[in-house]
Amino acid sequence: MAETNENKPVAIQVSGVKKMYRLGQIGGGTLQADLQSWFARVRGKEDPNTKIGEGERIKGQTFMALNGVDLTIYQGEAVGIIGSNGAGKSTLLKLLSKVTAPTEGEIDIYGRIASMLEVGTGFNGELTGRENVYMNGAILGMTKQEIDAKMEQIIEFSEVREFIDTPVKRYSSGMFVKLAFSVAAHLDSEIMIMDEVLAVGDMAFQKKCLDKMREAAKQEGRTVLYVSHNMNTIRTLCDRCIVLDKGKVVFDGNAEEAIRIYMGTEESKDFPVAFNYENVKRDYHFGREIFVKSVRLLDKDEAIFSIGEKILIAIELRSEIRISNLQMILRVKDKSNVDKIAAALSEPFSVSKNKCELIVFSFQTDKLAEDQYCLSFEIISKDHAGNYFSYDNPYARIQVLIENGDLNEIFWSKKYWGNVRLNEITVVSKEEV
């Protein structure tokens, strides 16, 4: 067993790994393309058949799919690997699965690996589903008796019982994935490597697979590596996530932060972020009657709050007429100002005709999880018939942090429970039974 860190045994150690492919060695697909590539090499010119976007990773007639990757993955971790197409994700998994060897560097694997890199990987189309289970088990070093003991669980999980004795060449891609995942999940391997093949299966089976992988990591102590472009599945399964870009690791850490980096929506760490509207050159004209002159924080220089801290928001309004039935809706959205998370409604207030008035609203953060949020402020009114009129809204960004929390309080996990905490559940009665 390898050395440990924080009492966790190392499952995979990747040190300085590079993977280089030679261009033009297989062929361009047509005689014309091969001749074009050959003539360019003779003249010392760029290959005209090189794919767009790969030039910066091409040196001469070589392509660096991975360029100096260092990783340490510990036993029992569920690690996501994300990145754009061509970033090197699949190449890394192939190296770990020993489908191919690195050009430079070392890879140390501590445990048996079960992998799904593409639909049908490791399956022989002429063999039945049952025979392929035995073959995969034998590859992992299991005896026939050990495979027999797992067979019923594999068939039940795969949902292909009626086709288990049919040659797999007749399987649909979805059936392939179901059986292949079931084999990888139930046979005795310490490391599971999953590429994006789960996208082929139906939604119910995808959820079942994610639950199984989470169980394998959390309860069985197996190591899971999972590649996907579906960020929701990354959030659900992985606590740690690696971002690859152009063959290099650009981030290794928290899954949410990794997703922000990958999606290109990481917010600046310098606050306030577009909160203060006092310096705008013109008024916000929301409707023909009401102008929002400014929106600002009171008693704070930065839009950073501890959980439980009160936010005081001052909005300066000017109205062309007197309105006595105004209310403000505060909408709390995610950091990209897209998804609505929660909303709060103020008490009714009024504004005078042709006067600038400063109205201060207070808002508690004790129900929010630690994160960055976008706040939008919408002024509304209701006429005598009950119709609502909206005067639109400016927005601002804030950050909520945990500081010196009560050690006796359960830490709120937004990953599993959401960003907003509802009111506490009341214990109505307690009786001995």
Protein backbone atom coordinates (compact mmCIF):
# COMPACT_ATOMS: atom_id res chain seq x y z
CA MET A 1 0.00 0.00 0.00
CA ALA A 2 1.26 3.49 -0.83
CA GLU A 3 1.95 6.21 1.67
CA THR A 4 -1.06 7.88 3.19
CA ASN A 5 -2.19 11.45 3.66
CA GLU A 6 -4.49 12.19 6.60
CA ASN A 7 -4.83 8.44 7.13
CA LYS A 8 -6.19 7.91 3.61
CA PRO A 9 -4.43 5.25 1.51
CA VAL A 10 -3.41 6.37 -1.97
CA ALA A 11 -5.37 4.67 -4.76
CA ILE A 12 -3.83 6.39 -7.81
CA GLN A 13 -0.58 8.31 -8.12
CA VAL A 14 0.11 10.19 -11.37
CA SER A 15 3.50 11.89 -11.65
CA GLY A 16 4.58 14.09 -14.56
CA VAL A 17 2.51 12.18 -17.10
CA LYS A 18 2.64 13.20 -20.74
CA LYS A 19 0.96 11.54 -23.67
CA MET A 20 2.13 12.39 -27.16
CA TYR A 21 0.58 11.20 -30.40
CA ARG A 22 2.24 11.39 -33.79
CA LEU A 23 0.19 13.09 -36.47
CA GLY A 24 -0.33 11.66 -39.92
CA GLN A 25 0.85 8.16 -39.03
CA ILE A 26 -2.53 6.51 -39.47
CA GLY A 27 -3.64 8.44 -42.52
CA GLY A 28 -5.91 11.33 -43.38
CA GLY A 29 -8.82 9.16 -44.47
CA THR A 30 -8.30 9.76 -48.19
CA LEU A 31 -5.38 9.54 -50.59
CA GLN A 32 -5.73 13.26 -51.31
CA ALA A 33 -5.44 14.16 -47.60
CA ASP A 34 -2.41 11.89 -47.16
CA LEU A 35 -0.68 13.52 -50.14
CA GLN A 36 -1.47 17.00 -48.82
CA SER A 37 0.00 16.13 -45.41
CA TRP A 38 3.10 14.54 -46.97
CA PHE A 39 3.73 17.50 -49.28
CA ALA A 40 3.39 19.94 -46.34
CA ARG A 41 5.97 17.96 -44.32
CA VAL A 42 8.40 17.93 -47.27
CA ARG A 43 8.17 21.73 -47.56
CA GLY A 44 8.32 22.24 -43.78
CA LYS A 45 4.83 23.77 -43.75
CA GLU A 46 1.89 23.32 -41.40
CA ASP A 47 -0.24 20.26 -42.09
CA PRO A 48 -3.43 21.55 -43.82
CA ASN A 49 -5.41 18.64 -42.32
CA THR A 50 -4.67 19.60 -38.71
CA LYS A 51 -7.90 20.14 -36.77
CA ILE A 52 -8.73 23.72 -35.90
CA GLY A 53 -8.00 24.61 -32.25
CA GLU A 54 -5.21 22.07 -31.76
CA GLY A 55 -2.32 24.15 -33.10
CA GLU A 56 -1.04 25.32 -29.71
CA ARG A 57 -0.61 21.69 -28.60
CA ILE A 58 1.09 20.60 -31.81
CA LYS A 59 4.86 20.59 -32.04
CA GLY A 60 6.09 19.55 -35.44
CA GLN A 61 4.32 16.30 -36.21
CA THR A 62 3.34 15.52 -32.60
CA PHE A 63 0.26 16.33 -30.54
CA MET A 64 0.46 16.58 -26.73
CA ALA A 65 -2.81 15.12 -25.50
CA LEU A 66 -1.56 15.35 -21.89
CA ASN A 67 1.26 17.65 -20.92
CA GLY A 68 2.62 17.10 -17.42
CA VAL A 69 -0.23 15.85 -15.22
CA ASP A 70 0.33 15.31 -11.49
CA LEU A 71 -2.47 13.81 -9.39
CA THR A 72 -2.89 11.95 -6.12
CA ILE A 73 -6.26 10.28 -5.64
CA TYR A 74 -7.08 8.60 -2.35
CA GLN A 75 -9.08 5.50 -1.57
CA GLY A 76 -12.80 6.15 -1.10
CA GLU A 77 -12.84 9.41 -3.06
CA ALA A 78 -15.43 10.18 -5.74
CA VAL A 79 -13.53 12.45 -8.12
CA GLY A 80 -15.04 14.23 -11.11
CA ILE A 81 -13.00 15.12 -14.18
CA ILE A 82 -14.38 17.91 -16.36
CA GLY A 83 -13.13 20.02 -19.25
CA SER A 84 -13.96 20.96 -22.80
CA ASN A 85 -13.80 18.51 -25.68
CA GLY A 86 -10.16 17.69 -26.42
CA ALA A 87 -8.96 18.72 -22.95
CA GLY A 88 -7.46 15.27 -22.33
CA LYS A 89 -10.11 13.66 -20.10
CA SER A 90 -10.56 10.45 -22.07
CA THR A 91 -6.82 10.16 -22.68
CA LEU A 92 -6.20 10.32 -18.93
CA LEU A 93 -8.77 7.60 -18.26
CA LYS A 94 -7.26 5.38 -20.97
CA LEU A 95 -3.85 5.74 -19.35
CA LEU A 96 -5.27 4.87 -15.93
CA SER A 97 -7.13 1.89 -17.42
CA LYS A 98 -3.88 0.76 -19.14
CA VAL A 99 -5.47 0.90 -22.56
CA THR A 100 -2.40 2.84 -23.63
CA ALA A 101 0.88 3.82 -21.96
CA PRO A 102 2.18 7.31 -21.13
CA THR A 103 4.94 8.85 -23.24
CA GLU A 104 6.58 10.24 -20.10
CA GLY A 105 5.93 10.03 -16.37
CA GLU A 106 4.70 7.33 -14.03
CA ILE A 107 1.30 6.01 -13.03
CA ASP A 108 0.97 3.88 -9.90
CA ILE A 109 -2.32 2.04 -9.34
CA TYR A 110 -3.07 0.45 -5.98
CA GLY A 111 -6.00 -1.87 -6.63
CA ARG A 112 -7.95 -3.55 -9.39
CA ILE A 113 -9.68 -1.30 -11.93
CA ALA A 114 -13.10 -1.73 -13.53
CA SER A 115 -13.65 0.82 -16.27
CA MET A 116 -16.25 1.95 -18.79
CA LEU A 117 -14.62 4.17 -21.37
CA GLU A 118 -17.13 3.77 -24.17
CA VAL A 119 -20.18 1.65 -24.96
CA GLY A 120 -19.16 -1.99 -25.16
CA THR A 121 -15.64 -1.60 -23.77
CA GLY A 122 -14.28 -5.00 -22.75
CA PHE A 123 -17.22 -6.90 -24.27
CA ASN A 124 -17.06 -9.50 -27.03
CA GLY A 125 -20.05 -9.08 -29.31
CA GLU A 126 -20.22 -12.79 -30.15
CA LEU A 127 -20.55 -13.80 -26.49
CA THR A 128 -23.75 -13.62 -24.49
CA GLY A 129 -24.25 -11.17 -21.68
CA ARG A 130 -23.66 -13.91 -19.11
CA GLU A 131 -20.46 -15.06 -20.83
CA ASN A 132 -19.17 -11.48 -20.92
CA VAL A 133 -19.74 -11.18 -17.18
CA TYR A 134 -17.53 -14.23 -16.62
CA MET A 135 -14.90 -12.86 -19.01
CA ASN A 136 -14.77 -9.47 -17.28
CA GLY A 137 -14.57 -11.11 -13.88
CA ALA A 138 -11.71 -13.33 -15.05
CA ILE A 139 -9.84 -10.25 -16.31
CA LEU A 140 -10.14 -8.78 -12.81
CA GLY A 141 -8.69 -12.00 -11.37
CA MET A 142 -11.89 -13.38 -9.87
CA THR A 143 -12.67 -17.09 -9.72
CA LYS A 144 -15.78 -18.63 -11.25
CA GLN A 145 -17.20 -19.19 -7.76
CA GLU A 146 -16.76 -15.51 -6.90
CA ILE A 147 -18.46 -14.45 -10.14
CA ASP A 148 -21.31 -16.92 -9.54
CA ALA A 149 -21.91 -15.31 -6.15
CA LYS A 150 -22.29 -11.88 -7.81
CA MET A 151 -24.18 -12.97 -10.93
CA GLU A 152 -27.73 -12.54 -9.60
CA GLN A 153 -26.98 -9.03 -8.31
CA ILE A 154 -25.47 -8.07 -11.67
CA ILE A 155 -28.45 -9.34 -13.65
CA GLU A 156 -30.97 -7.71 -11.32
CA PHE A 157 -29.24 -4.33 -11.41
CA SER A 158 -28.71 -4.37 -15.20
CA GLU A 159 -32.42 -4.73 -16.02
CA VAL A 160 -31.59 -7.02 -18.98
CA ARG A 161 -32.53 -10.34 -17.40
CA GLU A 162 -34.55 -11.55 -20.40
CA PHE A 163 -31.58 -10.89 -22.72
CA ILE A 164 -28.73 -12.10 -20.51
CA ASP A 165 -28.21 -15.23 -22.65
CA THR A 166 -28.38 -13.31 -25.94
CA PRO A 167 -25.17 -12.32 -27.81
CA VAL A 168 -24.42 -8.72 -26.86
CA LYS A 169 -23.94 -7.71 -30.51
CA ARG A 170 -27.75 -7.64 -30.61
CA TYR A 171 -27.98 -5.26 -27.63
CA SER A 172 -28.97 -1.63 -28.04
CA SER A 173 -26.46 0.96 -26.79
CA GLY A 174 -28.63 1.48 -23.70
CA MET A 175 -28.63 -2.25 -22.89
CA PHE A 176 -24.86 -2.36 -23.41
CA VAL A 177 -24.39 0.43 -20.86
CA LYS A 178 -26.73 -1.14 -18.33
CA LEU A 179 -24.95 -4.48 -18.35
CA ALA A 180 -21.46 -2.98 -18.58
CA PHE A 181 -22.05 -0.65 -15.64
CA SER A 182 -23.60 -3.42 -13.58
CA VAL A 183 -20.53 -5.59 -14.18
CA ALA A 184 -18.14 -2.76 -13.26
CA ALA A 185 -20.14 -1.87 -10.14
CA HIS A 186 -20.56 -5.36 -8.71
CA LEU A 187 -17.37 -7.22 -9.52
CA ASP A 188 -14.60 -6.93 -6.96
CA SER A 189 -12.57 -3.91 -8.04
CA GLU A 190 -11.13 -1.21 -5.82
CA ILE A 191 -11.29 1.51 -8.48
CA MET A 192 -14.19 2.40 -10.82
CA ILE A 193 -13.48 4.56 -13.87
CA MET A 194 -16.49 5.92 -15.74
CA ASP A 195 -16.45 8.01 -18.91
CA GLU A 196 -19.58 9.74 -20.24
CA VAL A 197 -21.25 6.49 -21.29
CA LEU A 198 -24.04 6.88 -18.72
CA ALA A 199 -25.59 9.55 -20.97
CA VAL A 200 -26.78 6.72 -23.23
CA GLY A 201 -28.99 5.22 -20.54
CA ASP A 202 -32.42 6.46 -19.50
CA MET A 203 -32.83 8.97 -16.67
CA ALA A 204 -34.02 6.42 -14.11
CA PHE A 205 -31.02 4.19 -14.78
CA GLN A 206 -28.62 7.16 -14.65
CA LYS A 207 -29.93 8.00 -11.18
CA LYS A 208 -29.55 4.38 -10.11
CA CYS A 209 -25.96 4.36 -11.39
CA LEU A 210 -25.09 7.58 -9.55
CA ASP A 211 -26.58 6.19 -6.34
CA LYS A 212 -24.54 3.02 -6.79
CA MET A 213 -21.30 4.96 -7.40
CA ARG A 214 -21.97 7.14 -4.34
CA GLU A 215 -22.58 4.01 -2.28
CA ALA A 216 -19.38 2.44 -3.64
CA ALA A 217 -17.33 5.47 -2.58
CA LYS A 218 -18.98 6.36 0.73
CA GLN A 219 -19.90 2.94 2.13
CA GLU A 220 -17.65 0.44 0.38
CA GLY A 221 -14.53 2.63 0.34
CA ARG A 222 -13.99 2.23 -3.42
CA THR A 223 -12.42 4.95 -5.54
CA VAL A 224 -14.58 6.44 -8.29
CA LEU A 225 -13.35 8.55 -11.23
CA TYR A 226 -16.18 10.05 -13.23
CA VAL A 227 -16.04 12.10 -16.45
CA SER A 228 -19.16 13.99 -17.51
CA HIS A 229 -20.37 17.19 -19.17
CA ASN A 230 -23.49 17.05 -16.97
CA MET A 231 -22.66 19.36 -14.08
CA ASN A 232 -25.64 18.23 -12.03
CA THR A 233 -24.31 14.67 -11.89
CA ILE A 234 -20.86 16.01 -10.95
CA ARG A 235 -22.44 17.99 -8.11
CA THR A 236 -24.45 14.99 -6.95
CA LEU A 237 -21.63 12.47 -6.96
CA CYS A 238 -18.32 14.26 -6.44
CA ASP A 239 -16.86 16.17 -3.52
CA ARG A 240 -13.62 16.72 -5.41
CA CYS A 241 -13.32 17.73 -9.05
CA ILE A 242 -10.42 18.15 -11.48
CA VAL A 243 -10.57 20.60 -14.40
CA LEU A 244 -8.44 19.78 -17.44
CA ASP A 245 -7.61 22.29 -20.15
CA LYS A 246 -5.33 21.66 -23.13
CA GLY A 247 -3.81 18.60 -21.52
CA LYS A 248 -3.04 20.23 -18.16
CA VAL A 249 -4.69 20.31 -14.74
CA VAL A 250 -5.90 23.88 -14.18
CA PHE A 251 -7.86 23.19 -10.98
CA ASP A 252 -8.14 20.42 -8.39
CA GLY A 253 -10.47 20.95 -5.46
CA ASN A 254 -14.06 21.63 -4.46
CA ALA A 255 -16.64 20.51 -7.04
CA GLU A 256 -18.64 23.77 -7.01
CA GLU A 257 -15.54 25.91 -7.55
CA ALA A 258 -14.37 23.55 -10.30
CA ILE A 259 -17.71 23.91 -12.09
CA ARG A 260 -17.52 27.71 -11.83
CA ILE A 261 -14.06 27.67 -13.40
CA TYR A 262 -15.14 25.27 -16.15
CA MET A 263 -18.28 27.24 -16.94
CA GLY A 264 -16.32 30.51 -16.95
CA THR A 265 -18.59 32.11 -14.35
CA GLU A 266 -16.16 32.47 -11.47
CA GLU A 267 -16.87 35.82 -9.88
CA SER A 268 -14.19 38.33 -8.94
CA LYS A 269 -13.00 38.09 -5.35
CA ASP A 270 -13.03 41.90 -5.11
CA PHE A 271 -16.26 43.12 -3.52
CA PRO A 272 -18.53 45.05 -3.73
CA VAL A 273 -19.59 43.70 -7.13
CA ALA A 274 -21.90 46.15 -8.90
CA PHE A 275 -23.83 46.88 -5.71
CA ASN A 276 -23.57 50.65 -5.42
CA TYR A 277 -25.75 52.47 -7.96
CA GLU A 278 -25.10 56.00 -6.69
CA ASN A 279 -22.66 56.91 -9.46
CA VAL A 280 -24.86 56.13 -12.46
CA LYS A 281 -25.16 58.95 -15.01
CA ARG A 282 -28.93 58.70 -15.37
CA ASP A 283 -31.88 57.63 -13.27
CA TYR A 284 -33.36 54.17 -13.48
CA HIS A 285 -36.84 54.89 -14.86
CA PHE A 286 -39.05 51.98 -13.84
CA GLY A 287 -42.45 52.83 -15.21
CA ARG A 288 -43.65 56.34 -16.00
CA GLU A 289 -44.14 57.33 -12.38
CA ILE A 290 -41.25 55.95 -10.30
CA PHE A 291 -37.51 56.58 -10.64
CA VAL A 292 -34.94 54.57 -8.68
CA LYS A 293 -32.12 57.01 -8.00
CA SER A 294 -29.72 54.68 -6.18
CA VAL A 295 -29.34 51.36 -4.39
CA ARG A 296 -26.66 50.99 -1.73
CA LEU A 297 -25.70 49.20 1.45
CA LEU A 298 -25.85 50.89 4.83
CA ASP A 299 -23.12 50.42 7.45
CA LYS A 300 -21.05 48.21 5.13
CA ASP A 301 -18.19 48.95 2.77
CA GLU A 302 -18.10 45.45 1.29
CA ALA A 303 -20.94 43.19 0.18
CA ILE A 304 -19.62 40.32 2.30
CA PHE A 305 -21.79 39.03 5.14
CA SER A 306 -21.55 36.39 7.82
CA ILE A 307 -24.46 33.97 8.05
CA GLY A 308 -27.00 35.54 10.37
CA GLU A 309 -25.84 39.11 9.72
CA LYS A 310 -28.53 41.63 8.82
CA ILE A 311 -28.32 43.35 5.43
CA LEU A 312 -29.53 46.96 5.31
CA ILE A 313 -30.40 48.09 1.79
CA ALA A 314 -31.15 51.74 1.08
CA ILE A 315 -33.14 52.53 -2.07
CA GLU A 316 -33.66 56.15 -3.12
CA LEU A 317 -36.91 56.67 -5.01
CA ARG A 318 -38.57 59.62 -6.75
CA SER A 319 -42.16 59.44 -7.92
CA GLU A 320 -44.14 61.70 -10.25
CA ILE A 321 -47.32 60.95 -8.28
CA ARG A 322 -48.10 59.90 -4.74
CA ILE A 323 -48.36 56.10 -4.43
CA SER A 324 -49.32 54.50 -1.12
CA ASN A 325 -49.50 50.80 -1.92
CA LEU A 326 -45.96 50.03 -3.02
CA GLN A 327 -44.03 46.92 -2.00
CA MET A 328 -40.56 45.63 -2.80
CA ILE A 329 -39.82 42.06 -3.81
CA LEU A 330 -36.29 40.94 -3.07
CA ARG A 331 -35.34 38.00 -5.25
CA VAL A 332 -32.35 35.86 -4.31
CA LYS A 333 -30.80 34.17 -7.34
CA ASP A 334 -27.69 32.15 -8.02
CA LYS A 335 -24.39 33.86 -8.76
CA SER A 336 -25.04 34.00 -12.51
CA ASN A 337 -28.34 35.84 -12.00
CA VAL A 338 -30.35 33.06 -13.60
CA ASP A 339 -32.11 30.66 -11.26
CA LYS A 340 -34.52 31.96 -8.65
CA ILE A 341 -33.67 30.52 -5.24
CA ALA A 342 -35.99 32.47 -2.92
CA ALA A 343 -37.93 35.72 -2.61
CA ALA A 344 -39.03 38.08 0.16
CA LEU A 345 -41.80 40.70 0.14
CA SER A 346 -41.62 43.96 2.10
CA GLU A 347 -44.38 45.61 4.05
CA PRO A 348 -46.41 48.19 2.08
CA PHE A 349 -44.93 51.68 1.92
CA SER A 350 -45.70 54.96 0.18
CA VAL A 351 -43.82 57.68 -1.71
CA SER A 352 -44.76 61.36 -2.04
CA LYS A 353 -45.25 63.27 -5.25
CA ASN A 354 -42.14 64.86 -6.79
CA LYS A 355 -39.94 64.11 -3.78
CA CYS A 356 -36.80 62.01 -3.36
CA GLU A 357 -37.23 59.57 -0.52
CA LEU A 358 -34.75 57.12 0.97
CA ILE A 359 -36.34 53.85 2.06
CA VAL A 360 -34.27 51.36 4.06
CA PHE A 361 -35.07 47.65 3.94
CA SER A 362 -33.58 44.98 6.18
CA PHE A 363 -32.93 41.39 5.16
CA GLN A 364 -31.63 38.51 7.30
CA THR A 365 -29.04 36.07 5.94
CA ASP A 366 -29.54 33.38 8.58
CA LYS A 367 -31.49 31.18 6.15
CA LEU A 368 -28.86 31.20 3.40
CA ALA A 369 -26.06 28.70 2.91
CA GLU A 370 -22.49 29.89 2.37
CA ASP A 371 -22.24 31.03 -1.28
CA GLN A 372 -22.37 34.00 -3.66
CA TYR A 373 -25.78 35.38 -4.55
CA CYS A 374 -27.38 37.86 -6.89
CA LEU A 375 -30.07 40.08 -5.38
CA SER A 376 -32.67 41.81 -7.51
CA PHE A 377 -35.05 44.49 -6.25
CA GLU A 378 -38.47 44.85 -7.86
CA ILE A 379 -40.89 47.62 -6.93
CA ILE A 380 -44.53 46.63 -7.44
CA SER A 381 -47.95 48.14 -6.80
CA LYS A 382 -51.52 46.87 -6.90
CA ASP A 383 -54.58 48.76 -8.10
CA HIS A 384 -58.10 48.57 -6.70
CA ALA A 385 -58.96 45.67 -9.03
CA GLY A 386 -56.11 43.60 -7.66
CA ASN A 387 -53.85 43.93 -10.70
CA TYR A 388 -50.08 44.14 -10.11
CA PHE A 389 -47.82 46.64 -11.84
CA SER A 390 -44.08 46.04 -11.90
CA TYR A 391 -41.44 48.75 -12.14
CA ASP A 392 -38.60 46.35 -13.00
CA ASN A 393 -35.45 46.01 -10.95
CA PRO A 394 -31.72 46.68 -10.63
CA TYR A 395 -29.57 43.96 -9.07
CA ALA A 396 -26.50 43.49 -6.88
CA ARG A 397 -24.18 40.67 -5.84
CA ILE A 398 -23.29 39.62 -2.30
CA GLN A 399 -21.28 36.88 -0.64
CA VAL A 400 -22.38 35.01 2.46
CA LEU A 401 -19.71 33.32 4.58
CA ILE A 402 -19.61 31.08 7.63
CA GLU A 403 -17.71 32.71 10.48
CA ASN A 404 -17.29 31.23 13.95
CA GLY A 405 -20.42 29.14 13.70
CA ASP A 406 -21.92 27.29 16.64
CA LEU A 407 -20.04 24.01 16.92
CA ASN A 408 -23.17 22.33 18.24
CA GLU A 409 -25.17 23.29 15.16
CA ILE A 410 -25.36 20.89 12.23
CA PHE A 411 -23.33 22.26 9.32
CA TRP A 412 -25.72 23.10 6.49
CA SER A 413 -24.74 21.26 3.29
CA LYS A 414 -26.18 23.11 0.29
CA LYS A 415 -25.04 20.23 -1.96
CA TYR A 416 -27.68 17.96 -0.44
CA TRP A 417 -30.17 20.34 1.20
CA GLY A 418 -30.21 23.45 -0.98
CA ASN A 419 -29.21 27.10 -0.56
CA VAL A 420 -32.17 28.22 1.57
CA ARG A 421 -33.13 26.96 5.00
CA LEU A 422 -36.83 27.06 5.79
CA ASN A 423 -38.13 27.74 9.29
CA GLU A 424 -37.30 25.11 11.86
CA ILE A 425 -39.54 22.08 12.18
CA THR A 426 -41.44 22.36 15.45
CA VAL A 427 -41.63 19.43 17.85
CA VAL A 428 -45.38 19.33 18.49
CA SER A 429 -45.43 16.42 20.92
CA LYS A 430 -43.13 13.83 22.44
CA GLU A 431 -44.45 10.67 24.00
CA GLU A 432 -42.94 7.48 25.32
CA VAL A 433 -44.07 4.37 23.44
